[in-house]
Amino acid sequence: MSAINPVFDAERHCDAMAPALGLTITPEQRPGVLQFLGVAAQMATIVQAAALDDGGFDMASAFRPGRPAGGET
């Protein structure tokens, strides 16, 4: 079975997601938004291509804001 790798369409993605996120993108903003969506898509391609070791995933410790348990300041 081969992986499906559709070509990212920044304009189509922008048109679909802006209303879903409650965003209004003006005509003046649109070129910049499309440019950065394209950059984000390229970055995602690089990240997705990185080999990961399935056994190497460890849970991170939980962040709990406030003073340490020992009361140090």
PDB file of N, CA and C in Angstrom:
ATOM      1  N   MET A   1       0.846  -1.187   0.000  1.00  0.00           N
ATOM      2  CA  MET A   1       0.000   0.000   0.000  1.00  0.00           C
ATOM      3  C   MET A   1       0.886   1.243   0.000  1.00  0.00           C
ATOM      4  N   SER A   2       0.626   2.170  -0.871  1.00  0.00           N
ATOM      5  CA  SER A   2       1.436   3.382  -0.937  1.00  0.00           C
ATOM      6  C   SER A   2       0.780   4.503  -0.137  1.00  0.00           C
ATOM      7  N   ALA A   3       1.615   5.359   0.410  1.00  0.00           N
ATOM      8  CA  ALA A   3       1.110   6.493   1.186  1.00  0.00           C
ATOM      9  C   ALA A   3       0.577   7.559   0.241  1.00  0.00           C
ATOM     10  N   ILE A   4      -0.501   8.181   0.622  1.00  0.00           N
ATOM     11  CA  ILE A   4      -1.072   9.271  -0.169  1.00  0.00           C
ATOM     12  C   ILE A   4      -0.427  10.561   0.316  1.00  0.00           C
ATOM     13  N   ASN A   5       0.168  11.291  -0.594  1.00  0.00           N
ATOM     14  CA  ASN A   5       0.825  12.550  -0.276  1.00  0.00           C
ATOM     15  C   ASN A   5       0.190  13.674  -1.085  1.00  0.00           C
ATOM     16  N   PRO A   6      -0.958  14.182  -0.651  1.00  0.00           N
ATOM     17  CA  PRO A   6      -1.586  15.247  -1.435  1.00  0.00           C
ATOM     18  C   PRO A   6      -0.758  16.529  -1.373  1.00  0.00           C
ATOM     19  N   VAL A   7      -0.837  17.310  -2.410  1.00  0.00           N
ATOM     20  CA  VAL A   7      -0.146  18.597  -2.452  1.00  0.00           C
ATOM     21  C   VAL A   7      -0.922  19.571  -1.567  1.00  0.00           C
ATOM     22  N   PHE A   8      -0.198  20.276  -0.706  1.00  0.00           N
ATOM     23  CA  PHE A   8      -0.835  21.242   0.190  1.00  0.00           C
ATOM     24  C   PHE A   8      -1.280  22.466  -0.594  1.00  0.00           C
ATOM     25  N   ASP A   9      -2.533  22.816  -0.455  1.00  0.00           N
ATOM     26  CA  ASP A   9      -3.101  23.988  -1.124  1.00  0.00           C
ATOM     27  C   ASP A   9      -3.380  25.040  -0.054  1.00  0.00           C
ATOM     28  N   ALA A  10      -2.474  25.998   0.085  1.00  0.00           N
ATOM     29  CA  ALA A  10      -2.586  27.007   1.135  1.00  0.00           C
ATOM     30  C   ALA A  10      -3.863  27.839   1.002  1.00  0.00           C
ATOM     31  N   GLU A  11      -4.242  28.186  -0.220  1.00  0.00           N
ATOM     32  CA  GLU A  11      -5.447  28.995  -0.413  1.00  0.00           C
ATOM     33  C   GLU A  11      -6.693  28.246   0.035  1.00  0.00           C
ATOM     34  N   ARG A  12      -6.774  26.993  -0.362  1.00  0.00           N
ATOM     35  CA  ARG A  12      -7.939  26.180   0.009  1.00  0.00           C
ATOM     36  C   ARG A  12      -7.987  25.962   1.524  1.00  0.00           C
ATOM     37  N   HIS A  13      -6.814  25.713   2.112  1.00  0.00           N
ATOM     38  CA  HIS A  13      -6.743  25.519   3.557  1.00  0.00           C
ATOM     39  C   HIS A  13      -7.167  26.795   4.286  1.00  0.00           C
ATOM     40  N   CYS A  14      -6.668  27.928   3.830  1.00  0.00           N
ATOM     41  CA  CYS A  14      -7.018  29.215   4.429  1.00  0.00           C
ATOM     42  C   CYS A  14      -8.520  29.468   4.340  1.00  0.00           C
ATOM     43  N   ASP A  15      -9.085  29.221   3.164  1.00  0.00           N
ATOM     44  CA  ASP A  15     -10.515  29.459   2.953  1.00  0.00           C
ATOM     45  C   ASP A  15     -11.382  28.558   3.837  1.00  0.00           C
ATOM     46  N   ALA A  16     -10.906  27.349   4.111  1.00  0.00           N
ATOM     47  CA  ALA A  16     -11.679  26.412   4.937  1.00  0.00           C
ATOM     48  C   ALA A  16     -11.494  26.683   6.426  1.00  0.00           C
ATOM     49  N   MET A  17     -10.272  26.998   6.834  1.00  0.00           N
ATOM     50  CA  MET A  17      -9.971  27.076   8.257  1.00  0.00           C
ATOM     51  C   MET A  17     -10.268  28.427   8.895  1.00  0.00           C
ATOM     52  N   ALA A  18     -10.135  29.509   8.155  1.00  0.00           N
ATOM     53  CA  ALA A  18     -10.373  30.831   8.742  1.00  0.00           C
ATOM     54  C   ALA A  18     -11.762  30.930   9.354  1.00  0.00           C
ATOM     55  N   PRO A  19     -12.824  30.571   8.627  1.00  0.00           N
ATOM     56  CA  PRO A  19     -14.153  30.655   9.235  1.00  0.00           C
ATOM     57  C   PRO A  19     -14.325  29.666  10.400  1.00  0.00           C
ATOM     58  N   ALA A  20     -13.715  28.488  10.273  1.00  0.00           N
ATOM     59  CA  ALA A  20     -13.833  27.494  11.340  1.00  0.00           C
ATOM     60  C   ALA A  20     -13.188  27.986  12.628  1.00  0.00           C
ATOM     61  N   LEU A  21     -12.155  28.823  12.497  1.00  0.00           N
ATOM     62  CA  LEU A  21     -11.462  29.364  13.663  1.00  0.00           C
ATOM     63  C   LEU A  21     -11.982  30.734  14.073  1.00  0.00           C
ATOM     64  N   GLY A  22     -12.965  31.235  13.340  1.00  0.00           N
ATOM     65  CA  GLY A  22     -13.526  32.544  13.646  1.00  0.00           C
ATOM     66  C   GLY A  22     -12.609  33.691  13.257  1.00  0.00           C
ATOM     67  N   LEU A  23     -11.761  33.470  12.248  1.00  0.00           N
ATOM     68  CA  LEU A  23     -10.823  34.500  11.817  1.00  0.00           C
ATOM     69  C   LEU A  23     -11.343  35.245  10.595  1.00  0.00           C
ATOM     70  N   THR A  24     -11.087  36.514  10.566  1.00  0.00           N
ATOM     71  CA  THR A  24     -11.360  37.318   9.386  1.00  0.00           C
ATOM     72  C   THR A  24     -10.012  37.724   8.809  1.00  0.00           C
ATOM     73  N   ILE A  25      -9.747  37.292   7.601  1.00  0.00           N
ATOM     74  CA  ILE A  25      -8.479  37.617   6.940  1.00  0.00           C
ATOM     75  C   ILE A  25      -8.783  38.610   5.826  1.00  0.00           C
ATOM     76  N   THR A  26      -8.218  39.794   5.956  1.00  0.00           N
ATOM     77  CA  THR A  26      -8.478  40.850   4.972  1.00  0.00           C
ATOM     78  C   THR A  26      -7.693  40.572   3.693  1.00  0.00           C
ATOM     79  N   PRO A  27      -8.097  41.193   2.600  1.00  0.00           N
ATOM     80  CA  PRO A  27      -7.337  41.035   1.352  1.00  0.00           C
ATOM     81  C   PRO A  27      -5.870  41.465   1.502  1.00  0.00           C
ATOM     82  N   GLU A  28      -5.614  42.448   2.359  1.00  0.00           N
ATOM     83  CA  GLU A  28      -4.243  42.896   2.576  1.00  0.00           C
ATOM     84  C   GLU A  28      -3.427  41.848   3.342  1.00  0.00           C
ATOM     85  N   GLN A  29      -4.078  41.116   4.237  1.00  0.00           N
ATOM     86  CA  GLN A  29      -3.397  40.108   5.043  1.00  0.00           C
ATOM     87  C   GLN A  29      -3.193  38.790   4.293  1.00  0.00           C
ATOM     88  N   ARG A  30      -4.059  38.508   3.359  1.00  0.00           N
ATOM     89  CA  ARG A  30      -4.083  37.198   2.699  1.00  0.00           C
ATOM     90  C   ARG A  30      -2.738  36.753   2.108  1.00  0.00           C
ATOM     91  N   PRO A  31      -2.008  37.597   1.376  1.00  0.00           N
ATOM     92  CA  PRO A  31      -0.726  37.129   0.827  1.00  0.00           C
ATOM     93  C   PRO A  31       0.247  36.666   1.914  1.00  0.00           C
ATOM     94  N   GLY A  32       0.317  37.385   3.006  1.00  0.00           N
ATOM     95  CA  GLY A  32       1.208  37.000   4.098  1.00  0.00           C
ATOM     96  C   GLY A  32       0.760  35.714   4.770  1.00  0.00           C
ATOM     97  N   VAL A  33      -0.545  35.575   4.966  1.00  0.00           N
ATOM     98  CA  VAL A  33      -1.084  34.351   5.575  1.00  0.00           C
ATOM     99  C   VAL A  33      -0.761  33.153   4.690  1.00  0.00           C
ATOM    100  N   LEU A  34      -0.975  33.285   3.392  1.00  0.00           N
ATOM    101  CA  LEU A  34      -0.697  32.186   2.463  1.00  0.00           C
ATOM    102  C   LEU A  34       0.792  31.851   2.443  1.00  0.00           C
ATOM    103  N   GLN A  35       1.637  32.867   2.498  1.00  0.00           N
ATOM    104  CA  GLN A  35       3.080  32.637   2.517  1.00  0.00           C
ATOM    105  C   GLN A  35       3.464  31.817   3.746  1.00  0.00           C
ATOM    106  N   PHE A  36       2.965  32.193   4.910  1.00  0.00           N
ATOM    107  CA  PHE A  36       3.354  31.504   6.130  1.00  0.00           C
ATOM    108  C   PHE A  36       2.683  30.143   6.269  1.00  0.00           C
ATOM    109  N   LEU A  37       1.518  29.954   5.679  1.00  0.00           N
ATOM    110  CA  LEU A  37       0.940  28.608   5.628  1.00  0.00           C
ATOM    111  C   LEU A  37       1.829  27.693   4.793  1.00  0.00           C
ATOM    112  N   GLY A  38       2.376  28.225   3.710  1.00  0.00           N
ATOM    113  CA  GLY A  38       3.296  27.446   2.891  1.00  0.00           C
ATOM    114  C   GLY A  38       4.567  27.082   3.649  1.00  0.00           C
ATOM    115  N   VAL A  39       5.097  28.033   4.418  1.00  0.00           N
ATOM    116  CA  VAL A  39       6.287  27.767   5.235  1.00  0.00           C
ATOM    117  C   VAL A  39       5.970  26.694   6.276  1.00  0.00           C
ATOM    118  N   ALA A  40       4.804  26.799   6.916  1.00  0.00           N
ATOM    119  CA  ALA A  40       4.405  25.813   7.919  1.00  0.00           C
ATOM    120  C   ALA A  40       4.267  24.422   7.297  1.00  0.00           C
ATOM    121  N   ALA A  41       3.749  24.358   6.090  1.00  0.00           N
ATOM    122  CA  ALA A  41       3.609  23.068   5.408  1.00  0.00           C
ATOM    123  C   ALA A  41       4.983  22.466   5.112  1.00  0.00           C
ATOM    124  N   GLN A  42       5.934  23.294   4.696  1.00  0.00           N
ATOM    125  CA  GLN A  42       7.293  22.810   4.444  1.00  0.00           C
ATOM    126  C   GLN A  42       7.937  22.315   5.732  1.00  0.00           C
ATOM    127  N   MET A  43       7.732  23.029   6.827  1.00  0.00           N
ATOM    128  CA  MET A  43       8.273  22.614   8.115  1.00  0.00           C
ATOM    129  C   MET A  43       7.658  21.289   8.550  1.00  0.00           C
ATOM    130  N   ALA A  44       6.358  21.129   8.348  1.00  0.00           N
ATOM    131  CA  ALA A  44       5.687  19.885   8.713  1.00  0.00           C
ATOM    132  C   ALA A  44       6.236  18.707   7.922  1.00  0.00           C
ATOM    133  N   THR A  45       6.548  18.920   6.656  1.00  0.00           N
ATOM    134  CA  THR A  45       7.121  17.863   5.824  1.00  0.00           C
ATOM    135  C   THR A  45       8.464  17.410   6.387  1.00  0.00           C
ATOM    136  N   ILE A  46       9.282  18.347   6.830  1.00  0.00           N
ATOM    137  CA  ILE A  46      10.585  18.015   7.407  1.00  0.00           C
ATOM    138  C   ILE A  46      10.404  17.233   8.709  1.00  0.00           C
ATOM    139  N   VAL A  47       9.506  17.688   9.556  1.00  0.00           N
ATOM    140  CA  VAL A  47       9.282  17.017  10.845  1.00  0.00           C
ATOM    141  C   VAL A  47       8.729  15.618  10.624  1.00  0.00           C
ATOM    142  N   GLN A  48       7.782  15.470   9.712  1.00  0.00           N
ATOM    143  CA  GLN A  48       7.183  14.164   9.459  1.00  0.00           C
ATOM    144  C   GLN A  48       8.183  13.174   8.874  1.00  0.00           C
ATOM    145  N   ALA A  49       9.225  13.662   8.223  1.00  0.00           N
ATOM    146  CA  ALA A  49      10.222  12.781   7.614  1.00  0.00           C
ATOM    147  C   ALA A  49      11.242  12.269   8.630  1.00  0.00           C
ATOM    148  N   ALA A  50      11.272  12.848   9.818  1.00  0.00           N
ATOM    149  CA  ALA A  50      12.252  12.438  10.829  1.00  0.00           C
ATOM    150  C   ALA A  50      11.922  11.045  11.341  1.00  0.00           C
ATOM    151  N   ALA A  51      12.950  10.221  11.411  1.00  0.00           N
ATOM    152  CA  ALA A  51      12.776   8.866  11.939  1.00  0.00           C
ATOM    153  C   ALA A  51      12.634   8.930  13.458  1.00  0.00           C
ATOM    154  N   LEU A  52      11.656   8.209  13.975  1.00  0.00           N
ATOM    155  CA  LEU A  52      11.416   8.176  15.415  1.00  0.00           C
ATOM    156  C   LEU A  52      11.492   6.747  15.909  1.00  0.00           C
ATOM    157  N   ASP A  53      12.090   6.569  17.059  1.00  0.00           N
ATOM    158  CA  ASP A  53      12.175   5.270  17.690  1.00  0.00           C
ATOM    159  C   ASP A  53      10.936   5.095  18.566  1.00  0.00           C
ATOM    160  N   ASP A  54      10.074   4.146  18.226  1.00  0.00           N
ATOM    161  CA  ASP A  54       8.838   3.946  18.983  1.00  0.00           C
ATOM    162  C   ASP A  54       9.096   3.657  20.459  1.00  0.00           C
ATOM    163  N   GLY A  55      10.238   3.069  20.780  1.00  0.00           N
ATOM    164  CA  GLY A  55      10.544   2.765  22.165  1.00  0.00           C
ATOM    165  C   GLY A  55      11.142   3.937  22.918  1.00  0.00           C
ATOM    166  N   GLY A  56      11.344   5.043  22.251  1.00  0.00           N
ATOM    167  CA  GLY A  56      12.002   6.187  22.871  1.00  0.00           C
ATOM    168  C   GLY A  56      11.077   7.247  23.415  1.00  0.00           C
ATOM    169  N   PHE A  57       9.803   6.955  23.487  1.00  0.00           N
ATOM    170  CA  PHE A  57       8.866   7.957  23.979  1.00  0.00           C
ATOM    171  C   PHE A  57       8.648   7.777  25.475  1.00  0.00           C
ATOM    172  N   ASP A  58       9.029   8.761  26.239  1.00  0.00           N
ATOM    173  CA  ASP A  58       8.824   8.742  27.685  1.00  0.00           C
ATOM    174  C   ASP A  58       7.893   9.889  28.049  1.00  0.00           C
ATOM    175  N   MET A  59       7.096   9.670  29.047  1.00  0.00           N
ATOM    176  CA  MET A  59       6.196  10.718  29.512  1.00  0.00           C
ATOM    177  C   MET A  59       7.007  11.834  30.160  1.00  0.00           C
ATOM    178  N   ALA A  60       6.657  13.048  29.856  1.00  0.00           N
ATOM    179  CA  ALA A  60       7.301  14.189  30.488  1.00  0.00           C
ATOM    180  C   ALA A  60       6.697  14.390  31.869  1.00  0.00           C
ATOM    181  N   SER A  61       7.484  14.968  32.755  1.00  0.00           N
ATOM    182  CA  SER A  61       6.932  15.256  34.076  1.00  0.00           C
ATOM    183  C   SER A  61       5.894  16.368  33.950  1.00  0.00           C
ATOM    184  N   ALA A  62       4.980  16.406  34.865  1.00  0.00           N
ATOM    185  CA  ALA A  62       3.908  17.401  34.819  1.00  0.00           C
ATOM    186  C   ALA A  62       4.387  18.707  35.423  1.00  0.00           C
ATOM    187  N   PHE A  63       4.056  19.801  34.780  1.00  0.00           N
ATOM    188  CA  PHE A  63       4.371  21.131  35.307  1.00  0.00           C
ATOM    189  C   PHE A  63       3.251  21.548  36.236  1.00  0.00           C
ATOM    190  N   ARG A  64       3.636  21.915  37.440  1.00  0.00           N
ATOM    191  CA  ARG A  64       2.655  22.390  38.412  1.00  0.00           C
ATOM    192  C   ARG A  64       3.142  23.757  38.902  1.00  0.00           C
ATOM    193  N   PRO A  65       2.472  24.822  38.498  1.00  0.00           N
ATOM    194  CA  PRO A  65       2.917  26.150  38.895  1.00  0.00           C
ATOM    195  C   PRO A  65       2.765  26.354  40.401  1.00  0.00           C
ATOM    196  N   GLY A  66       3.574  27.214  40.942  1.00  0.00           N
ATOM    197  CA  GLY A  66       3.497  27.506  42.369  1.00  0.00           C
ATOM    198  C   GLY A  66       4.815  27.183  43.040  1.00  0.00           C
ATOM    199  N   ARG A  67       4.779  27.183  44.343  1.00  0.00           N
ATOM    200  CA  ARG A  67       5.986  26.904  45.122  1.00  0.00           C
ATOM    201  C   ARG A  67       6.321  25.433  45.096  1.00  0.00           C
ATOM    202  N   PRO A  68       7.609  25.106  45.186  1.00  0.00           N
ATOM    203  CA  PRO A  68       8.003  23.703  45.258  1.00  0.00           C
ATOM    204  C   PRO A  68       7.422  23.035  46.496  1.00  0.00           C
ATOM    205  N   ALA A  69       7.320  21.722  46.458  1.00  0.00           N
ATOM    206  CA  ALA A  69       6.712  20.976  47.550  1.00  0.00           C
ATOM    207  C   ALA A  69       7.401  21.215  48.888  1.00  0.00           C
ATOM    208  N   GLY A  70       8.721  21.448  48.878  1.00  0.00           N
ATOM    209  CA  GLY A  70       9.458  21.660  50.127  1.00  0.00           C
ATOM    210  C   GLY A  70       9.283  23.052  50.697  1.00  0.00           C
ATOM    211  N   GLY A  71       8.595  23.944  50.000  1.00  0.00           N
ATOM    212  CA  GLY A  71       8.342  25.291  50.495  1.00  0.00           C
ATOM    213  C   GLY A  71       9.468  26.266  50.241  1.00  0.00           C
ATOM    214  N   GLU A  72      10.511  25.865  49.461  1.00  0.00           N
ATOM    215  CA  GLU A  72      11.601  26.797  49.179  1.00  0.00           C
ATOM    216  C   GLU A  72      11.074  27.946  48.317  1.00  0.00           C
ATOM    217  N   THR A  73      11.714  29.076  48.432  1.00  0.00           N
ATOM    218  CA  THR A  73      11.310  30.213  47.607  1.00  0.00           C
ATOM    219  C   THR A  73      12.347  30.540  46.589  1.00  0.00           C
TER     220      THR A  73
END
